[in-house]
Amino acid sequence: MTDEDEAAFDEFLAGRGSSLLRTAILVCGATRHDAEDLVQHALEKVYRHWPRIRRDNPEAYARKVVVNAAISKARRRRVIQEITFARPPDTAAASPDLDLRDALIRELRRLPPKMRAVLVLRYWEDQSEAATAALLGCSTGTVKSQAARGLARIRERMNVVEGAFR
């Protein structure tokens, strides 16, 4: 890689590393340590292909790698190597109802990996149905049905009225 590529990658890492970590924490449904492993895996791939993907959309590429790795890990339960961050990730904003947030995250962890990935990308990452489908390699119809089923399961388990999560 050229010095320009290295500098651009460092800038990408500084600007998007925290966002990728938040996505990984929500998608993998496990510990922060496991999420950091997923991000490390994604950043390794981004770094290896940086000259090619730099001008396209490296964040989408990295997010797709994180989501795919989380789904694969859930299927195979394989271990991914660890990295350290140059600077700690941003802290999450305070939520007015922490108990509800914790209950929601517990329910997310109970969902199958692909369904969880759909809900995280659609509602936490605010991706469109088309973008979520592209990241997961499925149709928009699959995204719609997985989102509807996932939300229905969570609502049923939490006994929450329909409009509470909108």
C-alpha atoms as a PDB file:
ATOM      1  CA  MET A   1       0.000   0.000   0.000  1.00  0.00           C
ATOM      2  CA  THR A   2       1.091   3.547  -0.654  1.00  0.00           C
ATOM      3  CA  ASP A   3       1.516   6.132   2.099  1.00  0.00           C
ATOM      4  CA  GLU A   4      -1.669   7.797   0.837  1.00  0.00           C
ATOM      5  CA  ASP A   5      -3.570   4.503   1.160  1.00  0.00           C
ATOM      6  CA  GLU A   6      -2.189   3.974   4.683  1.00  0.00           C
ATOM      7  CA  ALA A   7      -3.278   7.462   5.724  1.00  0.00           C
ATOM      8  CA  ALA A   8      -6.742   6.972   4.225  1.00  0.00           C
ATOM      9  CA  PHE A   9      -7.131   3.622   6.018  1.00  0.00           C
ATOM     10  CA  ASP A  10      -6.057   5.173   9.331  1.00  0.00           C
ATOM     11  CA  GLU A  11      -8.628   7.924   8.826  1.00  0.00           C
ATOM     12  CA  PHE A  12     -11.319   5.352   8.023  1.00  0.00           C
ATOM     13  CA  LEU A  13     -10.427   3.344  11.132  1.00  0.00           C
ATOM     14  CA  ALA A  14     -10.518   6.418  13.371  1.00  0.00           C
ATOM     15  CA  GLY A  15     -13.843   7.574  11.959  1.00  0.00           C
ATOM     16  CA  ARG A  16     -15.747   4.288  11.602  1.00  0.00           C
ATOM     17  CA  GLY A  17     -14.151   1.848  14.075  1.00  0.00           C
ATOM     18  CA  SER A  18     -16.609   2.665  16.857  1.00  0.00           C
ATOM     19  CA  SER A  19     -19.610   2.305  14.564  1.00  0.00           C
ATOM     20  CA  LEU A  20     -18.394  -1.095  13.384  1.00  0.00           C
ATOM     21  CA  LEU A  21     -17.899  -2.200  16.982  1.00  0.00           C
ATOM     22  CA  ARG A  22     -21.437  -1.151  17.939  1.00  0.00           C
ATOM     23  CA  THR A  23     -22.810  -3.053  14.951  1.00  0.00           C
ATOM     24  CA  ALA A  24     -20.782  -6.134  15.863  1.00  0.00           C
ATOM     25  CA  ILE A  25     -21.922  -6.044  19.504  1.00  0.00           C
ATOM     26  CA  LEU A  26     -25.549  -5.941  18.454  1.00  0.00           C
ATOM     27  CA  VAL A  27     -25.230  -8.436  15.610  1.00  0.00           C
ATOM     28  CA  CYS A  28     -23.189 -11.096  17.370  1.00  0.00           C
ATOM     29  CA  GLY A  29     -25.418 -11.044  20.433  1.00  0.00           C
ATOM     30  CA  ALA A  30     -22.554 -12.019  22.703  1.00  0.00           C
ATOM     31  CA  THR A  31     -19.785 -10.310  24.591  1.00  0.00           C
ATOM     32  CA  ARG A  32     -17.854  -7.199  23.684  1.00  0.00           C
ATOM     33  CA  HIS A  33     -14.783  -9.392  23.295  1.00  0.00           C
ATOM     34  CA  ASP A  34     -16.493 -11.488  20.590  1.00  0.00           C
ATOM     35  CA  ALA A  35     -17.622  -8.307  18.840  1.00  0.00           C
ATOM     36  CA  GLU A  36     -14.059  -6.963  18.872  1.00  0.00           C
ATOM     37  CA  ASP A  37     -12.947 -10.223  17.252  1.00  0.00           C
ATOM     38  CA  LEU A  38     -15.481  -9.724  14.476  1.00  0.00           C
ATOM     39  CA  VAL A  39     -14.338  -6.147  13.909  1.00  0.00           C
ATOM     40  CA  GLN A  40     -10.717  -7.268  13.810  1.00  0.00           C
ATOM     41  CA  HIS A  41     -11.594  -9.813  11.158  1.00  0.00           C
ATOM     42  CA  ALA A  42     -13.441  -7.160   9.131  1.00  0.00           C
ATOM     43  CA  LEU A  43     -10.642  -4.609   9.430  1.00  0.00           C
ATOM     44  CA  GLU A  44      -8.088  -7.169   8.311  1.00  0.00           C
ATOM     45  CA  LYS A  45     -10.101  -7.788   5.142  1.00  0.00           C
ATOM     46  CA  VAL A  46     -10.656  -4.080   4.584  1.00  0.00           C
ATOM     47  CA  TYR A  47      -6.923  -3.431   4.991  1.00  0.00           C
ATOM     48  CA  ARG A  48      -5.962  -6.213   2.574  1.00  0.00           C
ATOM     49  CA  HIS A  49      -8.342  -4.891  -0.088  1.00  0.00           C
ATOM     50  CA  TRP A  50      -8.064  -1.189   0.735  1.00  0.00           C
ATOM     51  CA  PRO A  51      -6.562   0.015  -2.566  1.00  0.00           C
ATOM     52  CA  ARG A  52      -9.476  -1.621  -4.425  1.00  0.00           C
ATOM     53  CA  ILE A  53     -12.371  -0.672  -2.102  1.00  0.00           C
ATOM     54  CA  ARG A  54     -11.147   2.707  -0.881  1.00  0.00           C
ATOM     55  CA  ARG A  55     -12.979   4.690  -3.528  1.00  0.00           C
ATOM     56  CA  ASP A  56     -16.180   2.643  -3.384  1.00  0.00           C
ATOM     57  CA  ASN A  57     -17.757   2.274   0.037  1.00  0.00           C
ATOM     58  CA  PRO A  58     -15.326   0.795   2.565  1.00  0.00           C
ATOM     59  CA  GLU A  59     -17.798   1.179   5.426  1.00  0.00           C
ATOM     60  CA  ALA A  60     -20.432  -0.924   3.667  1.00  0.00           C
ATOM     61  CA  TYR A  61     -17.767  -3.503   2.805  1.00  0.00           C
ATOM     62  CA  ALA A  62     -16.577  -3.646   6.436  1.00  0.00           C
ATOM     63  CA  ARG A  63     -20.144  -3.844   7.783  1.00  0.00           C
ATOM     64  CA  LYS A  64     -20.930  -6.694   5.403  1.00  0.00           C
ATOM     65  CA  VAL A  65     -17.833  -8.560   6.546  1.00  0.00           C
ATOM     66  CA  VAL A  66     -18.841  -8.072  10.214  1.00  0.00           C
ATOM     67  CA  VAL A  67     -22.394  -9.307   9.623  1.00  0.00           C
ATOM     68  CA  ASN A  68     -21.315 -12.296   7.537  1.00  0.00           C
ATOM     69  CA  ALA A  69     -18.661 -13.254  10.083  1.00  0.00           C
ATOM     70  CA  ALA A  70     -21.200 -13.037  12.925  1.00  0.00           C
ATOM     71  CA  ILE A  71     -23.589 -15.313  11.064  1.00  0.00           C
ATOM     72  CA  SER A  72     -20.796 -17.751  10.180  1.00  0.00           C
ATOM     73  CA  LYS A  73     -19.527 -17.750  13.746  1.00  0.00           C
ATOM     74  CA  ALA A  74     -22.975 -18.547  15.049  1.00  0.00           C
ATOM     75  CA  ARG A  75     -23.128 -21.465  12.631  1.00  0.00           C
ATOM     76  CA  ARG A  76     -19.645 -22.824  13.215  1.00  0.00           C
ATOM     77  CA  ARG A  77     -18.693 -21.418  16.620  1.00  0.00           C
ATOM     78  CA  ARG A  78     -15.166 -20.762  15.407  1.00  0.00           C
ATOM     79  CA  VAL A  79     -12.646 -18.498  17.124  1.00  0.00           C
ATOM     80  CA  ILE A  80     -11.336 -15.344  15.439  1.00  0.00           C
ATOM     81  CA  GLN A  81      -8.040 -13.679  16.426  1.00  0.00           C
ATOM     82  CA  GLU A  82      -7.977 -10.520  18.536  1.00  0.00           C
ATOM     83  CA  ILE A  83      -6.746  -6.966  17.767  1.00  0.00           C
ATOM     84  CA  THR A  84      -6.327  -3.891  19.888  1.00  0.00           C
ATOM     85  CA  PHE A  85      -7.674  -0.470  18.981  1.00  0.00           C
ATOM     86  CA  ALA A  86      -5.436   2.560  18.654  1.00  0.00           C
ATOM     87  CA  ARG A  87      -8.020   4.527  20.629  1.00  0.00           C
ATOM     88  CA  PRO A  88     -11.027   3.342  22.623  1.00  0.00           C
ATOM     89  CA  PRO A  89     -14.387   3.353  20.833  1.00  0.00           C
ATOM     90  CA  ASP A  90     -16.994   6.014  21.550  1.00  0.00           C
ATOM     91  CA  THR A  91     -19.290   5.288  24.440  1.00  0.00           C
ATOM     92  CA  ALA A  92     -22.967   4.752  23.788  1.00  0.00           C
ATOM     93  CA  ALA A  93     -25.406   7.555  24.482  1.00  0.00           C
ATOM     94  CA  ALA A  94     -27.361   7.273  27.699  1.00  0.00           C
ATOM     95  CA  SER A  95     -30.806   5.772  27.290  1.00  0.00           C
ATOM     96  CA  PRO A  96     -33.729   7.063  29.333  1.00  0.00           C
ATOM     97  CA  ASP A  97     -35.004   3.512  29.969  1.00  0.00           C
ATOM     98  CA  LEU A  98     -32.006   1.245  30.523  1.00  0.00           C
ATOM     99  CA  ASP A  99     -34.132  -1.663  31.744  1.00  0.00           C
ATOM    100  CA  LEU A 100     -36.120  -1.690  28.515  1.00  0.00           C
ATOM    101  CA  ARG A 101     -32.953  -1.433  26.433  1.00  0.00           C
ATOM    102  CA  ASP A 102     -31.363  -4.342  28.330  1.00  0.00           C
ATOM    103  CA  ALA A 103     -34.508  -6.437  27.938  1.00  0.00           C
ATOM    104  CA  LEU A 104     -34.580  -5.671  24.221  1.00  0.00           C
ATOM    105  CA  ILE A 105     -30.938  -6.660  23.783  1.00  0.00           C
ATOM    106  CA  ARG A 106     -31.573  -9.905  25.706  1.00  0.00           C
ATOM    107  CA  GLU A 107     -34.446 -10.672  23.349  1.00  0.00           C
ATOM    108  CA  LEU A 108     -32.280  -9.840  20.318  1.00  0.00           C
ATOM    109  CA  ARG A 109     -29.725 -12.387  21.519  1.00  0.00           C
ATOM    110  CA  ARG A 110     -32.426 -15.065  21.548  1.00  0.00           C
ATOM    111  CA  LEU A 111     -33.168 -14.600  17.834  1.00  0.00           C
ATOM    112  CA  PRO A 112     -31.455 -16.611  15.080  1.00  0.00           C
ATOM    113  CA  PRO A 113     -28.308 -14.879  13.743  1.00  0.00           C
ATOM    114  CA  LYS A 114     -29.692 -13.778  10.376  1.00  0.00           C
ATOM    115  CA  MET A 115     -32.920 -12.441  11.888  1.00  0.00           C
ATOM    116  CA  ARG A 116     -30.883 -10.566  14.509  1.00  0.00           C
ATOM    117  CA  ALA A 117     -28.641  -9.148  11.771  1.00  0.00           C
ATOM    118  CA  VAL A 118     -31.700  -7.891   9.840  1.00  0.00           C
ATOM    119  CA  LEU A 119     -33.110  -6.122  12.906  1.00  0.00           C
ATOM    120  CA  VAL A 120     -29.764  -4.566  13.858  1.00  0.00           C
ATOM    121  CA  LEU A 121     -29.035  -3.303  10.356  1.00  0.00           C
ATOM    122  CA  ARG A 122     -32.571  -2.014   9.755  1.00  0.00           C
ATOM    123  CA  TYR A 123     -33.329  -0.415  13.106  1.00  0.00           C
ATOM    124  CA  TRP A 124     -30.036   0.264  14.907  1.00  0.00           C
ATOM    125  CA  GLU A 125     -27.912   1.047  11.873  1.00  0.00           C
ATOM    126  CA  ASP A 126     -30.872   2.669  10.061  1.00  0.00           C
ATOM    127  CA  GLN A 127     -30.121   0.884   6.778  1.00  0.00           C
ATOM    128  CA  SER A 128     -32.780   0.685   4.087  1.00  0.00           C
ATOM    129  CA  GLU A 129     -34.360  -2.644   3.192  1.00  0.00           C
ATOM    130  CA  ALA A 130     -32.375  -2.686  -0.053  1.00  0.00           C
ATOM    131  CA  ALA A 131     -29.079  -1.903   1.699  1.00  0.00           C
ATOM    132  CA  THR A 132     -29.747  -4.559   4.341  1.00  0.00           C
ATOM    133  CA  ALA A 133     -30.577  -7.100   1.634  1.00  0.00           C
ATOM    134  CA  ALA A 134     -27.371  -6.244  -0.237  1.00  0.00           C
ATOM    135  CA  LEU A 135     -25.276  -6.577   2.930  1.00  0.00           C
ATOM    136  CA  LEU A 136     -26.809  -9.950   3.796  1.00  0.00           C
ATOM    137  CA  GLY A 137     -26.926 -11.268   0.236  1.00  0.00           C
ATOM    138  CA  CYS A 138     -30.676 -11.885   0.231  1.00  0.00           C
ATOM    139  CA  SER A 139     -33.816 -10.356  -1.269  1.00  0.00           C
ATOM    140  CA  THR A 140     -35.653  -7.342   0.121  1.00  0.00           C
ATOM    141  CA  GLY A 141     -38.630  -9.646   0.672  1.00  0.00           C
ATOM    142  CA  THR A 142     -36.492 -11.778   2.978  1.00  0.00           C
ATOM    143  CA  VAL A 143     -35.433  -8.655   4.869  1.00  0.00           C
ATOM    144  CA  LYS A 144     -39.065  -7.583   5.250  1.00  0.00           C
ATOM    145  CA  SER A 145     -40.235 -10.992   6.447  1.00  0.00           C
ATOM    146  CA  GLN A 146     -37.287 -11.504   8.815  1.00  0.00           C
ATOM    147  CA  ALA A 147     -37.800  -8.033  10.291  1.00  0.00           C
ATOM    148  CA  ALA A 148     -41.533  -8.589  10.747  1.00  0.00           C
ATOM    149  CA  ARG A 149     -41.040 -12.012  12.340  1.00  0.00           C
ATOM    150  CA  GLY A 150     -38.221 -10.786  14.563  1.00  0.00           C
ATOM    151  CA  LEU A 151     -40.193  -7.799  15.820  1.00  0.00           C
ATOM    152  CA  ALA A 152     -43.237 -10.004  16.395  1.00  0.00           C
ATOM    153  CA  ARG A 153     -41.168 -12.446  18.480  1.00  0.00           C
ATOM    154  CA  ILE A 154     -39.677  -9.660  20.553  1.00  0.00           C
ATOM    155  CA  ARG A 155     -43.052  -7.997  21.106  1.00  0.00           C
ATOM    156  CA  GLU A 156     -44.631 -11.291  22.065  1.00  0.00           C
ATOM    157  CA  ARG A 157     -41.896 -12.127  24.553  1.00  0.00           C
ATOM    158  CA  MET A 158     -41.829  -8.668  26.062  1.00  0.00           C
ATOM    159  CA  ASN A 159     -45.624  -8.216  26.138  1.00  0.00           C
ATOM    160  CA  VAL A 160     -45.253  -4.735  24.676  1.00  0.00           C
ATOM    161  CA  VAL A 161     -47.937  -2.891  22.727  1.00  0.00           C
ATOM    162  CA  GLU A 162     -47.424  -2.776  18.965  1.00  0.00           C
ATOM    163  CA  GLY A 163     -46.440   0.916  18.653  1.00  0.00           C
ATOM    164  CA  ALA A 164     -43.790   0.971  21.400  1.00  0.00           C
ATOM    165  CA  PHE A 165     -40.797   0.270  19.150  1.00  0.00           C
ATOM    166  CA  ARG A 166     -41.600   2.589  16.275  1.00  0.00           C
END
